[in-house]
Amino acid sequence: MSEAPKKRWYVVQAFSGFEGRVATSLREHIKLHNMEELFGEVMVPTEEVVEIRGGQRRKSERKFFPGYVLVQMVMNDASWHLVRSVPRVMGFHRRHL
């Protein structure tokens, strides 16, 4: 019995401002192509910040890495092509995490 390949974290470069849509589209593509076993989490790391504008406190989310989506996956030809086929994905960052 062989072990399944270990999933590693990869950084996917997306159009700035479309990180959430890219993450959602990627999750949909993974399900559509029945490749759930090759993928783990897909995330856009954010933090909640409180800003004061016009004397009022406002809560908003700030992206830690604008223009990037973090993807936990097993890298092979099929998974690489699936990620690259998602609209507004420009490619992978050079190194995995």
Protein backbone atom coordinates (compact mmCIF):
# COMPACT_ATOMS: atom_id res chain seq x y z
CA MET A 1 0.00 0.00 0.00
CA SER A 2 1.56 3.29 -1.09
CA GLU A 3 1.12 6.57 0.71
CA ALA A 4 -0.62 9.47 -0.99
CA PRO A 5 1.76 12.27 -2.00
CA LYS A 6 2.04 15.04 0.57
CA LYS A 7 0.23 18.29 -0.17
CA ARG A 8 2.42 21.38 -0.10
CA TRP A 9 1.56 25.08 -0.07
CA TYR A 10 1.93 27.05 -3.30
CA VAL A 11 1.50 30.74 -4.02
CA VAL A 12 -0.72 31.54 -7.02
CA GLN A 13 -0.52 35.00 -8.53
CA ALA A 14 -3.92 36.48 -9.38
CA PHE A 15 -5.14 39.79 -10.76
CA SER A 16 -5.09 42.29 -7.91
CA GLY A 17 -8.56 42.80 -6.48
CA PHE A 18 -9.79 39.43 -7.77
CA GLU A 19 -8.21 37.17 -5.14
CA GLY A 20 -11.56 36.15 -3.63
CA ARG A 21 -13.08 35.37 -7.01
CA VAL A 22 -10.01 33.35 -8.02
CA ALA A 23 -10.21 31.32 -4.79
CA THR A 24 -13.93 30.65 -5.33
CA SER A 25 -13.43 29.73 -9.00
CA LEU A 26 -10.55 27.43 -8.12
CA ARG A 27 -12.67 25.58 -5.54
CA GLU A 28 -15.42 25.18 -8.17
CA HIS A 29 -12.95 23.89 -10.79
CA ILE A 30 -11.54 21.37 -8.30
CA LYS A 31 -15.02 19.95 -7.62
CA LEU A 32 -16.03 20.05 -11.29
CA HIS A 33 -12.98 18.00 -12.31
CA ASN A 34 -13.20 15.62 -9.30
CA MET A 35 -9.69 16.49 -8.13
CA GLU A 36 -10.43 16.98 -4.42
CA GLU A 37 -7.81 14.38 -3.45
CA LEU A 38 -5.04 16.54 -4.96
CA PHE A 39 -6.06 19.75 -3.21
CA GLY A 40 -6.37 20.90 0.39
CA GLU A 41 -7.12 24.45 1.47
CA VAL A 42 -7.49 27.41 -0.89
CA MET A 43 -7.23 30.69 0.97
CA VAL A 44 -6.75 34.44 0.76
CA PRO A 45 -5.19 35.44 4.11
CA THR A 46 -6.87 38.54 5.54
CA GLU A 47 -7.10 40.39 8.84
CA GLU A 48 -9.83 42.60 10.22
CA VAL A 49 -8.74 46.20 10.76
CA VAL A 50 -10.53 49.15 12.33
CA GLU A 51 -10.19 52.46 10.51
CA ILE A 52 -11.41 55.86 11.58
CA ARG A 53 -12.83 57.88 8.71
CA GLY A 54 -14.83 61.04 9.16
CA GLY A 55 -14.81 60.49 12.91
CA GLN A 56 -16.46 57.07 12.60
CA ARG A 57 -14.92 53.68 13.28
CA ARG A 58 -15.18 51.24 10.39
CA LYS A 59 -14.21 47.60 10.27
CA SER A 60 -12.73 46.28 7.06
CA GLU A 61 -10.60 43.38 5.87
CA ARG A 62 -7.03 43.84 4.70
CA LYS A 63 -5.26 41.25 2.58
CA PHE A 64 -1.88 40.11 3.87
CA PHE A 65 -0.66 39.34 0.34
CA PRO A 66 -2.57 41.41 -2.24
CA GLY A 67 -2.59 39.71 -5.63
CA TYR A 68 -1.89 36.23 -4.25
CA VAL A 69 -3.90 33.14 -3.31
CA LEU A 70 -2.44 30.33 -1.18
CA VAL A 71 -3.20 26.80 -2.38
CA GLN A 72 -2.40 23.52 -0.64
CA MET A 73 -1.99 20.87 -3.32
CA VAL A 74 -0.07 17.96 -4.79
CA MET A 75 1.81 19.40 -7.76
CA ASN A 76 1.53 17.36 -10.95
CA ASP A 77 0.64 18.12 -14.56
CA ALA A 78 -3.12 17.80 -14.00
CA SER A 79 -3.24 20.02 -10.90
CA TRP A 80 -0.91 22.60 -12.49
CA HIS A 81 -3.11 22.85 -15.59
CA LEU A 82 -6.28 23.05 -13.49
CA VAL A 83 -4.95 26.03 -11.52
CA ARG A 84 -3.65 27.74 -14.66
CA SER A 85 -7.05 27.32 -16.38
CA VAL A 86 -8.86 29.40 -13.74
CA PRO A 87 -9.76 32.89 -15.03
CA ARG A 88 -7.63 35.76 -13.66
CA VAL A 89 -4.78 33.46 -12.60
CA MET A 90 -1.43 34.70 -13.89
CA GLY A 91 0.65 31.78 -12.67
CA PHE A 92 2.56 30.32 -9.76
CA HIS A 93 5.11 32.15 -7.68
CA ARG A 94 8.57 30.64 -8.14
CA ARG A 95 8.75 28.65 -4.90
CA HIS A 96 6.36 26.65 -2.77
CA LEU A 97 6.03 27.29 0.98
